[in-house]
PDB file of N, CA and C in Angstrom:
ATOM      1  N   UNK A   1      36.263 145.166  31.718  1.00  0.00           N
ATOM      2  CA  UNK A   1      35.478 143.754  32.170  1.00  0.00           C
ATOM      3  C   UNK A   1      34.627 142.518  31.451  1.00  0.00           C
ATOM      4  N   UNK A   2      34.968 141.816  30.814  1.00  0.00           N
ATOM      5  CA  UNK A   2      34.622 140.636  30.184  1.00  0.00           C
ATOM      6  C   UNK A   2      33.650 140.005  31.047  1.00  0.00           C
ATOM      7  N   UNK A   3      32.591 139.633  29.997  1.00  0.00           N
ATOM      8  CA  UNK A   3      31.720 138.583  30.613  1.00  0.00           C
ATOM      9  C   UNK A   3      31.939 137.382  31.481  1.00  0.00           C
ATOM     10  N   UNK A   4      32.840 136.391  30.582  1.00  0.00           N
ATOM     11  CA  UNK A   4      33.464 135.569  31.038  1.00  0.00           C
ATOM     12  C   UNK A   4      34.173 135.993  32.574  1.00  0.00           C
ATOM     13  N   UNK A   5      34.553 136.879  33.073  1.00  0.00           N
ATOM     14  CA  UNK A   5      36.099 137.475  34.376  1.00  0.00           C
ATOM     15  C   UNK A   5      34.739 137.530  34.844  1.00  0.00           C
ATOM     16  N   UNK A   6      33.309 138.116  34.765  1.00  0.00           N
ATOM     17  CA  UNK A   6      32.556 138.298  35.803  1.00  0.00           C
ATOM     18  C   UNK A   6      31.647 136.967  36.200  1.00  0.00           C
ATOM     19  N   UNK A   7      31.550 136.224  35.003  1.00  0.00           N
ATOM     20  CA  UNK A   7      30.708 134.734  35.468  1.00  0.00           C
ATOM     21  C   UNK A   7      31.804 133.761  36.040  1.00  0.00           C
ATOM     22  N   UNK A   8      32.781 133.544  36.382  1.00  0.00           N
ATOM     23  CA  UNK A   8      34.336 132.957  36.867  1.00  0.00           C
ATOM     24  C   UNK A   8      34.164 133.557  38.529  1.00  0.00           C
ATOM     25  N   UNK A   9      34.061 134.768  38.621  1.00  0.00           N
ATOM     26  CA  UNK A   9      33.529 135.415  40.167  1.00  0.00           C
ATOM     27  C   UNK A   9      32.448 134.559  41.053  1.00  0.00           C
ATOM     28  N   UNK A  10      32.947 134.212  42.758  1.00  0.00           N
ATOM     29  CA  UNK A  10      31.697 134.172  43.281  1.00  0.00           C
ATOM     30  C   UNK A  10      30.955 134.925  43.389  1.00  0.00           C
ATOM     31  N   UNK A  11      29.583 134.435  43.835  1.00  0.00           N
ATOM     32  CA  UNK A  11      29.028 135.628  44.874  1.00  0.00           C
ATOM     33  C   UNK A  11      29.528 136.372  45.165  1.00  0.00           C
ATOM     34  N   UNK A  12      30.164 136.442  47.105  1.00  0.00           N
ATOM     35  CA  UNK A  12      31.181 137.756  47.289  1.00  0.00           C
ATOM     36  C   UNK A  12      31.670 138.285  46.513  1.00  0.00           C
ATOM     37  N   UNK A  13      32.272 137.679  45.208  1.00  0.00           N
ATOM     38  CA  UNK A  13      33.314 138.981  45.072  1.00  0.00           C
ATOM     39  C   UNK A  13      32.645 139.316  43.655  1.00  0.00           C
ATOM     40  N   UNK A  14      31.212 138.957  43.184  1.00  0.00           N
ATOM     41  CA  UNK A  14      30.265 139.399  42.519  1.00  0.00           C
ATOM     42  C   UNK A  14      29.241 141.147  43.374  1.00  0.00           C
ATOM     43  N   UNK A  15      29.212 140.980  44.562  1.00  0.00           N
ATOM     44  CA  UNK A  15      28.756 141.711  45.453  1.00  0.00           C
ATOM     45  C   UNK A  15      30.381 143.100  45.695  1.00  0.00           C
ATOM     46  N   UNK A  16      30.955 142.680  46.267  1.00  0.00           N
ATOM     47  CA  UNK A  16      32.335 143.562  46.755  1.00  0.00           C
ATOM     48  C   UNK A  16      32.554 144.833  45.305  1.00  0.00           C
ATOM     49  N   UNK A  17      32.318 143.336  44.195  1.00  0.00           N
ATOM     50  CA  UNK A  17      32.516 144.279  42.843  1.00  0.00           C
ATOM     51  C   UNK A  17      31.480 145.149  42.192  1.00  0.00           C
ATOM     52  N   UNK A  18      30.234 145.120  42.485  1.00  0.00           N
ATOM     53  CA  UNK A  18      28.881 145.513  42.240  1.00  0.00           C
ATOM     54  C   UNK A  18      29.567 147.450  43.032  1.00  0.00           C
ATOM     55  N   UNK A  19      29.262 146.669  44.419  1.00  0.00           N
ATOM     56  CA  UNK A  19      29.933 148.123  45.574  1.00  0.00           C
ATOM     57  C   UNK A  19      30.875 149.335  45.068  1.00  0.00           C
ATOM     58  N   UNK A  20      32.275 148.137  44.590  1.00  0.00           N
ATOM     59  CA  UNK A  20      33.023 149.105  44.111  1.00  0.00           C
ATOM     60  C   UNK A  20      33.037 149.815  42.581  1.00  0.00           C
ATOM     61  N   UNK A  21      31.841 149.106  41.840  1.00  0.00           N
ATOM     62  CA  UNK A  21      31.483 149.758  40.889  1.00  0.00           C
ATOM     63  C   UNK A  21      30.492 151.028  40.508  1.00  0.00           C
ATOM     64  N   UNK A  22      29.740 151.082  41.638  1.00  0.00           N
ATOM     65  CA  UNK A  22      28.665 151.431  42.370  1.00  0.00           C
ATOM     66  C   UNK A  22      29.360 153.349  42.383  1.00  0.00           C
ATOM     67  N   UNK A  23      30.425 152.893  43.442  1.00  0.00           N
ATOM     68  CA  UNK A  23      31.439 153.828  44.211  1.00  0.00           C
ATOM     69  C   UNK A  23      32.170 154.849  42.631  1.00  0.00           C
ATOM     70  N   UNK A  24      32.513 153.782  42.351  1.00  0.00           N
ATOM     71  CA  UNK A  24      33.811 154.453  41.034  1.00  0.00           C
ATOM     72  C   UNK A  24      32.266 155.107  40.099  1.00  0.00           C
ATOM     73  N   UNK A  25      31.137 155.092  39.861  1.00  0.00           N
ATOM     74  CA  UNK A  25      29.998 155.315  38.893  1.00  0.00           C
ATOM     75  C   UNK A  25      30.055 156.865  39.426  1.00  0.00           C
ATOM     76  N   UNK A  26      29.456 157.175  40.380  1.00  0.00           N
ATOM     77  CA  UNK A  26      29.367 158.173  41.650  1.00  0.00           C
ATOM     78  C   UNK A  26      30.724 158.967  41.486  1.00  0.00           C
ATOM     79  N   UNK A  27      32.142 158.278  41.605  1.00  0.00           N
ATOM     80  CA  UNK A  27      33.361 159.716  41.627  1.00  0.00           C
ATOM     81  C   UNK A  27      33.050 160.403  39.870  1.00  0.00           C
ATOM     82  N   UNK A  28      32.829 158.722  39.111  1.00  0.00           N
ATOM     83  CA  UNK A  28      33.118 159.317  37.376  1.00  0.00           C
ATOM     84  C   UNK A  28      32.064 160.703  37.522  1.00  0.00           C
ATOM     85  N   UNK A  29      30.696 161.126  38.197  1.00  0.00           N
ATOM     86  CA  UNK A  29      29.934 161.653  37.925  1.00  0.00           C
ATOM     87  C   UNK A  29      29.982 163.153  38.005  1.00  0.00           C
ATOM     88  N   UNK A  30      30.844 163.228  39.268  1.00  0.00           N
ATOM     89  CA  UNK A  30      30.946 164.367  39.597  1.00  0.00           C
ATOM     90  C   UNK A  30      32.709 165.541  39.270  1.00  0.00           C
ATOM     91  N   UNK A  31      33.423 163.860  38.419  1.00  0.00           N
ATOM     92  CA  UNK A  31      34.491 164.502  37.376  1.00  0.00           C
ATOM     93  C   UNK A  31      33.451 164.218  36.427  1.00  0.00           C
ATOM     94  N   UNK A  32      32.580 164.462  35.861  1.00  0.00           N
ATOM     95  CA  UNK A  32      32.365 164.627  34.790  1.00  0.00           C
ATOM     96  C   UNK A  32      31.142 166.079  34.671  1.00  0.00           C
ATOM     97  N   UNK A  33      30.996 166.233  35.810  1.00  0.00           N
ATOM     98  CA  UNK A  33      30.284 167.144  36.013  1.00  0.00           C
ATOM     99  C   UNK A  33      30.964 168.839  36.242  1.00  0.00           C
ATOM    100  N   UNK A  34      31.975 168.496  36.378  1.00  0.00           N
ATOM    101  CA  UNK A  34      33.325 169.319  37.010  1.00  0.00           C
ATOM    102  C   UNK A  34      33.901 169.803  35.871  1.00  0.00           C
ATOM    103  N   UNK A  35      33.144 168.317  34.430  1.00  0.00           N
ATOM    104  CA  UNK A  35      35.034 169.067  33.304  1.00  0.00           C
ATOM    105  C   UNK A  35      35.822 168.257  34.009  1.00  0.00           C
ATOM    106  N   UNK A  36      36.113 167.779  34.425  1.00  0.00           N
ATOM    107  CA  UNK A  36      37.802 166.818  34.910  1.00  0.00           C
ATOM    108  C   UNK A  36      37.746 165.544  34.501  1.00  0.00           C
ATOM    109  N   UNK A  37      36.611 164.943  33.889  1.00  0.00           N
ATOM    110  CA  UNK A  37      36.897 163.589  33.235  1.00  0.00           C
ATOM    111  C   UNK A  37      37.208 163.759  31.841  1.00  0.00           C
ATOM    112  N   UNK A  38      38.285 163.165  31.292  1.00  0.00           N
ATOM    113  CA  UNK A  38      38.967 163.532  30.262  1.00  0.00           C
ATOM    114  C   UNK A  38      38.219 162.590  28.770  1.00  0.00           C
ATOM    115  N   UNK A  39      38.326 161.281  29.793  1.00  0.00           N
ATOM    116  CA  UNK A  39      37.279 160.396  28.256  1.00  0.00           C
ATOM    117  C   UNK A  39      35.690 160.185  28.811  1.00  0.00           C
ATOM    118  N   UNK A  40      34.846 160.588  27.981  1.00  0.00           N
ATOM    119  CA  UNK A  40      33.538 160.229  28.951  1.00  0.00           C
ATOM    120  C   UNK A  40      32.799 159.072  28.705  1.00  0.00           C
ATOM    121  N   UNK A  41      33.824 157.944  28.214  1.00  0.00           N
ATOM    122  CA  UNK A  41      33.318 156.646  27.851  1.00  0.00           C
ATOM    123  C   UNK A  41      33.513 156.091  28.967  1.00  0.00           C
ATOM    124  N   UNK A  42      34.366 155.961  29.678  1.00  0.00           N
ATOM    125  CA  UNK A  42      34.566 156.099  31.267  1.00  0.00           C
ATOM    126  C   UNK A  42      33.228 155.511  31.455  1.00  0.00           C
ATOM    127  N   UNK A  43      32.233 156.500  31.466  1.00  0.00           N
ATOM    128  CA  UNK A  43      30.821 156.649  32.369  1.00  0.00           C
ATOM    129  C   UNK A  43      30.067 155.279  31.696  1.00  0.00           C
ATOM    130  N   UNK A  44      30.017 155.055  30.625  1.00  0.00           N
ATOM    131  CA  UNK A  44      29.769 154.028  29.321  1.00  0.00           C
ATOM    132  C   UNK A  44      29.742 152.627  29.981  1.00  0.00           C
ATOM    133  N   UNK A  45      30.763 152.361  30.140  1.00  0.00           N
ATOM    134  CA  UNK A  45      32.000 151.109  30.341  1.00  0.00           C
ATOM    135  C   UNK A  45      31.642 150.967  31.382  1.00  0.00           C
ATOM    136  N   UNK A  46      31.104 151.869  32.647  1.00  0.00           N
ATOM    137  CA  UNK A  46      31.216 151.885  33.988  1.00  0.00           C
ATOM    138  C   UNK A  46      29.473 151.433  33.898  1.00  0.00           C
ATOM    139  N   UNK A  47      29.190 151.776  34.106  1.00  0.00           N
ATOM    140  CA  UNK A  47      27.562 151.656  33.418  1.00  0.00           C
ATOM    141  C   UNK A  47      27.253 149.839  33.102  1.00  0.00           C
ATOM    142  N   UNK A  48      27.885 149.454  32.648  1.00  0.00           N
ATOM    143  CA  UNK A  48      27.682 148.548  31.084  1.00  0.00           C
ATOM    144  C   UNK A  48      28.019 146.850  32.194  1.00  0.00           C
ATOM    145  N   UNK A  49      29.270 147.468  32.573  1.00  0.00           N
ATOM    146  CA  UNK A  49      30.197 146.775  33.662  1.00  0.00           C
ATOM    147  C   UNK A  49      29.065 146.234  35.595  1.00  0.00           C
ATOM    148  N   UNK A  50      28.467 147.742  35.800  1.00  0.00           N
ATOM    149  CA  UNK A  50      27.285 147.357  36.405  1.00  0.00           C
ATOM    150  C   UNK A  50      26.419 146.711  36.699  1.00  0.00           C
ATOM    151  N   UNK A  51      25.911 146.411  34.772  1.00  0.00           N
ATOM    152  CA  UNK A  51      24.185 145.578  34.445  1.00  0.00           C
ATOM    153  C   UNK A  51      25.535 143.801  34.033  1.00  0.00           C
ATOM    154  N   UNK A  52      26.259 143.801  33.918  1.00  0.00           N
ATOM    155  CA  UNK A  52      26.987 142.479  33.894  1.00  0.00           C
ATOM    156  C   UNK A  52      26.528 141.802  35.225  1.00  0.00           C
ATOM    157  N   UNK A  53      27.651 142.472  35.717  1.00  0.00           N
ATOM    158  CA  UNK A  53      27.545 142.212  37.229  1.00  0.00           C
ATOM    159  C   UNK A  53      25.784 142.054  38.131  1.00  0.00           C
ATOM    160  N   UNK A  54      25.327 142.718  37.963  1.00  0.00           N
ATOM    161  CA  UNK A  54      24.684 142.674  38.266  1.00  0.00           C
ATOM    162  C   UNK A  54      23.168 141.182  37.190  1.00  0.00           C
ATOM    163  N   UNK A  55      23.204 141.146  36.061  1.00  0.00           N
ATOM    164  CA  UNK A  55      22.815 140.172  35.402  1.00  0.00           C
ATOM    165  C   UNK A  55      23.205 138.936  35.779  1.00  0.00           C
ATOM    166  N   UNK A  56      24.371 138.624  35.918  1.00  0.00           N
ATOM    167  CA  UNK A  56      24.927 137.604  36.647  1.00  0.00           C
ATOM    168  C   UNK A  56      24.609 136.969  38.061  1.00  0.00           C
ATOM    169  N   UNK A  57      24.398 138.515  38.780  1.00  0.00           N
ATOM    170  CA  UNK A  57      23.718 138.460  40.145  1.00  0.00           C
ATOM    171  C   UNK A  57      22.400 137.255  40.090  1.00  0.00           C
ATOM    172  N   UNK A  58      21.170 137.893  38.880  1.00  0.00           N
ATOM    173  CA  UNK A  58      20.235 137.627  39.139  1.00  0.00           C
ATOM    174  C   UNK A  58      20.022 135.719  38.241  1.00  0.00           C
ATOM    175  N   UNK A  59      21.350 136.175  37.414  1.00  0.00           N
ATOM    176  CA  UNK A  59      20.152 134.751  37.038  1.00  0.00           C
ATOM    177  C   UNK A  59      21.110 133.968  37.568  1.00  0.00           C
ATOM    178  N   UNK A  60      22.174 133.955  38.718  1.00  0.00           N
ATOM    179  CA  UNK A  60      21.889 132.945  40.123  1.00  0.00           C
ATOM    180  C   UNK A  60      21.006 132.846  40.566  1.00  0.00           C
ATOM    181  N   UNK A  61      20.968 134.049  41.112  1.00  0.00           N
ATOM    182  CA  UNK A  61      19.394 133.861  41.679  1.00  0.00           C
ATOM    183  C   UNK A  61      18.164 133.088  41.604  1.00  0.00           C
ATOM    184  N   UNK A  62      18.154 133.248  40.101  1.00  0.00           N
ATOM    185  CA  UNK A  62      17.110 132.199  39.548  1.00  0.00           C
ATOM    186  C   UNK A  62      17.265 131.266  39.269  1.00  0.00           C
ATOM    187  N   UNK A  63      18.217 130.623  39.373  1.00  0.00           N
ATOM    188  CA  UNK A  63      18.513 129.519  39.098  1.00  0.00           C
ATOM    189  C   UNK A  63      18.943 128.560  40.251  1.00  0.00           C
ATOM    190  N   UNK A  64      18.781 129.013  41.758  1.00  0.00           N
ATOM    191  CA  UNK A  64      19.052 128.616  42.950  1.00  0.00           C
ATOM    192  C   UNK A  64      17.254 128.661  43.858  1.00  0.00           C
ATOM    193  N   UNK A  65      16.670 129.540  43.263  1.00  0.00           N
ATOM    194  CA  UNK A  65      15.528 129.507  43.131  1.00  0.00           C
ATOM    195  C   UNK A  65      14.777 128.129  42.502  1.00  0.00           C
ATOM    196  N   UNK A  66      14.730 127.692  41.547  1.00  0.00           N
ATOM    197  CA  UNK A  66      14.557 126.909  40.624  1.00  0.00           C
ATOM    198  C   UNK A  66      14.527 125.561  40.938  1.00  0.00           C
ATOM    199  N   UNK A  67      15.896 125.477  41.083  1.00  0.00           N
ATOM    200  CA  UNK A  67      16.850 123.723  41.866  1.00  0.00           C
ATOM    201  C   UNK A  67      16.004 124.178  43.335  1.00  0.00           C
ATOM    202  N   UNK A  68      16.108 124.892  44.617  1.00  0.00           N
ATOM    203  CA  UNK A  68      14.817 124.773  45.370  1.00  0.00           C
ATOM    204  C   UNK A  68      13.681 124.541  45.332  1.00  0.00           C
ATOM    205  N   UNK A  69      12.907 124.703  43.743  1.00  0.00           N
ATOM    206  CA  UNK A  69      10.851 124.713  43.661  1.00  0.00           C
ATOM    207  C   UNK A  69      11.704 123.250  43.208  1.00  0.00           C
ATOM    208  N   UNK A  70      12.743 122.630  43.210  1.00  0.00           N
ATOM    209  CA  UNK A  70      12.626 121.560  42.176  1.00  0.00           C
ATOM    210  C   UNK A  70      12.723 120.605  43.182  1.00  0.00           C
ATOM    211  N   UNK A  71      13.176 120.429  44.976  1.00  0.00           N
ATOM    212  CA  UNK A  71      13.458 119.969  45.772  1.00  0.00           C
ATOM    213  C   UNK A  71      12.564 119.894  46.558  1.00  0.00           C
ATOM    214  N   UNK A  72      11.414 120.820  46.482  1.00  0.00           N
ATOM    215  CA  UNK A  72      10.157 120.600  47.889  1.00  0.00           C
ATOM    216  C   UNK A  72       9.361 120.365  47.215  1.00  0.00           C
TER     217      UNK A  72
END
């Protein structure tokens, strides 16, 4: 997943994507532990995608807090 795609998502879509990626990572770890995972780089990519989504969520939280602070 590209950063541009993540930035274009709404907050609700980001939360859904985060949950989806976390569950995918959970199952990938099981596959890796039982040697059924053919490409271990999928684990790395999934963790990076989770980090991207969390980063965008946090950036938006900070921006909202800043805007709320300026109003009051």
